[in-house]
Amino acid sequence: MERGGAVTRRCQDCSTAFDGEHWQRLCWPCWRQRKQSDELDRAYHRGWLDGLAADGKRASYPSVDPRLIERAIRLCHPDRHPGERFTETNDVTAQLLTARGRPR
């Protein structure tokens, strides 16, 4: 039903009738709930990327043997690969050098 630009619609989530624009698919409470859920998902993902465990403590990872890092640097070094792989091998080598903890 048209009422001065607003249309009576049914919410896709809860089937409640609400007045809204023709493009709206959710009532305000359902939209807000989805928005909060999306924000929590993004916050969890950011924490996961930062290395936080679900309980908020830093996740612990097994340490890598420094000799393994040295061997990987030698294997990945751009001088050992054709020019078309320079960008990739250079990036990997730089990350390994950072993991090693010494300046390049």
Protein backbone atom coordinates (compact mmCIF):
# COMPACT_ATOMS: atom_id res chain seq x y z
CA MET A 1 0.00 0.00 0.00
CA GLU A 2 1.29 3.45 -0.96
CA ARG A 3 1.27 6.13 1.76
CA GLY A 4 3.07 9.29 0.63
CA GLY A 5 6.17 7.54 -0.78
CA ALA A 6 6.27 4.78 1.83
CA VAL A 7 5.24 1.28 0.91
CA THR A 8 3.91 -1.34 3.31
CA ARG A 9 6.26 -4.30 3.05
CA ARG A 10 6.92 -7.60 4.83
CA CYS A 11 10.31 -8.16 6.45
CA GLN A 12 12.27 -10.99 4.82
CA ASP A 13 13.52 -12.21 8.19
CA CYS A 14 10.56 -11.97 10.57
CA SER A 15 7.60 -11.34 8.19
CA THR A 16 6.52 -8.28 10.19
CA ALA A 17 4.70 -5.62 8.18
CA PHE A 18 6.48 -2.26 8.08
CA ASP A 19 6.30 1.00 6.17
CA GLY A 20 9.42 1.56 4.12
CA GLU A 21 10.84 2.45 0.74
CA HIS A 22 10.40 0.12 -2.23
CA TRP A 23 14.02 -1.10 -1.92
CA GLN A 24 13.87 -1.99 1.78
CA ARG A 25 13.67 -5.72 2.53
CA LEU A 26 14.08 -5.75 6.32
CA CYS A 27 12.31 -4.05 9.20
CA TRP A 28 14.44 -1.79 11.39
CA PRO A 29 15.02 -4.33 14.24
CA CYS A 30 16.09 -7.09 11.81
CA TRP A 31 18.32 -4.72 9.85
CA ARG A 32 19.99 -3.58 13.07
CA GLN A 33 20.50 -7.17 14.23
CA ARG A 34 22.16 -8.08 10.91
CA LYS A 35 24.35 -4.98 11.09
CA GLN A 36 25.53 -5.87 14.62
CA SER A 37 26.21 -9.45 13.52
CA ASP A 38 28.26 -8.20 10.56
CA GLU A 39 30.24 -5.89 12.84
CA LEU A 40 30.99 -8.77 15.22
CA ASP A 41 32.10 -10.94 12.30
CA ARG A 42 34.44 -8.20 11.08
CA ALA A 43 35.84 -7.65 14.58
CA TYR A 44 36.46 -11.38 14.99
CA HIS A 45 38.19 -11.52 11.60
CA ARG A 46 40.40 -8.51 12.48
CA GLY A 47 41.37 -10.21 15.74
CA TRP A 48 42.13 -13.44 13.92
CA LEU A 49 44.35 -11.53 11.48
CA ASP A 50 46.10 -9.89 14.43
CA GLY A 51 46.83 -13.31 15.93
CA LEU A 52 44.32 -13.24 18.76
CA ALA A 53 42.67 -16.42 19.94
CA ALA A 54 38.90 -16.60 20.52
CA ASP A 55 39.42 -15.84 24.24
CA GLY A 56 41.20 -12.56 23.39
CA LYS A 57 44.67 -13.79 24.35
CA ARG A 58 47.57 -13.84 21.91
CA ALA A 59 47.66 -17.05 19.98
CA SER A 60 50.89 -18.96 20.30
CA TYR A 61 52.51 -20.42 17.24
CA PRO A 62 55.36 -22.87 17.12
CA SER A 63 58.70 -21.17 16.62
CA VAL A 64 60.57 -21.79 13.39
CA ASP A 65 64.12 -23.07 13.52
CA PRO A 66 66.44 -20.20 12.46
CA ARG A 67 68.40 -22.65 10.28
CA LEU A 68 65.22 -23.39 8.35
CA ILE A 69 64.70 -19.68 7.71
CA GLU A 70 68.28 -19.35 6.45
CA ARG A 71 67.79 -22.29 4.07
CA ALA A 72 64.48 -20.87 2.85
CA ILE A 73 66.13 -17.49 2.17
CA ARG A 74 68.81 -19.18 0.07
CA LEU A 75 66.17 -21.15 -1.87
CA CYS A 76 63.85 -18.17 -2.45
CA HIS A 77 66.41 -15.48 -3.19
CA PRO A 78 65.61 -13.59 -6.44
CA ASP A 79 69.12 -14.23 -7.79
CA ARG A 80 68.25 -17.95 -8.03
CA HIS A 81 65.12 -17.45 -10.15
CA PRO A 82 64.34 -16.07 -13.62
CA GLY A 83 63.50 -12.38 -13.95
CA GLU A 84 59.76 -12.94 -14.43
CA ARG A 85 59.58 -14.21 -10.82
CA PHE A 86 61.58 -11.32 -9.35
CA THR A 87 58.65 -9.57 -7.64
CA GLU A 88 57.35 -12.73 -5.95
CA THR A 89 60.75 -14.06 -4.89
CA ASN A 90 61.84 -10.63 -3.67
CA ASP A 91 58.68 -10.28 -1.53
CA VAL A 92 59.07 -13.76 -0.02
CA THR A 93 62.75 -13.20 0.68
CA ALA A 94 61.99 -9.85 2.35
CA GLN A 95 59.40 -11.49 4.62
CA LEU A 96 61.82 -14.28 5.53
CA LEU A 97 64.52 -11.73 6.33
CA THR A 98 62.04 -9.92 8.59
CA ALA A 99 61.15 -13.22 10.30
CA ARG A 100 64.84 -13.89 10.79
CA GLY A 101 65.01 -10.64 12.76
CA ARG A 102 68.15 -9.18 11.26
CA PRO A 103 68.41 -6.17 8.93
CA ARG A 104 68.52 -6.87 5.21
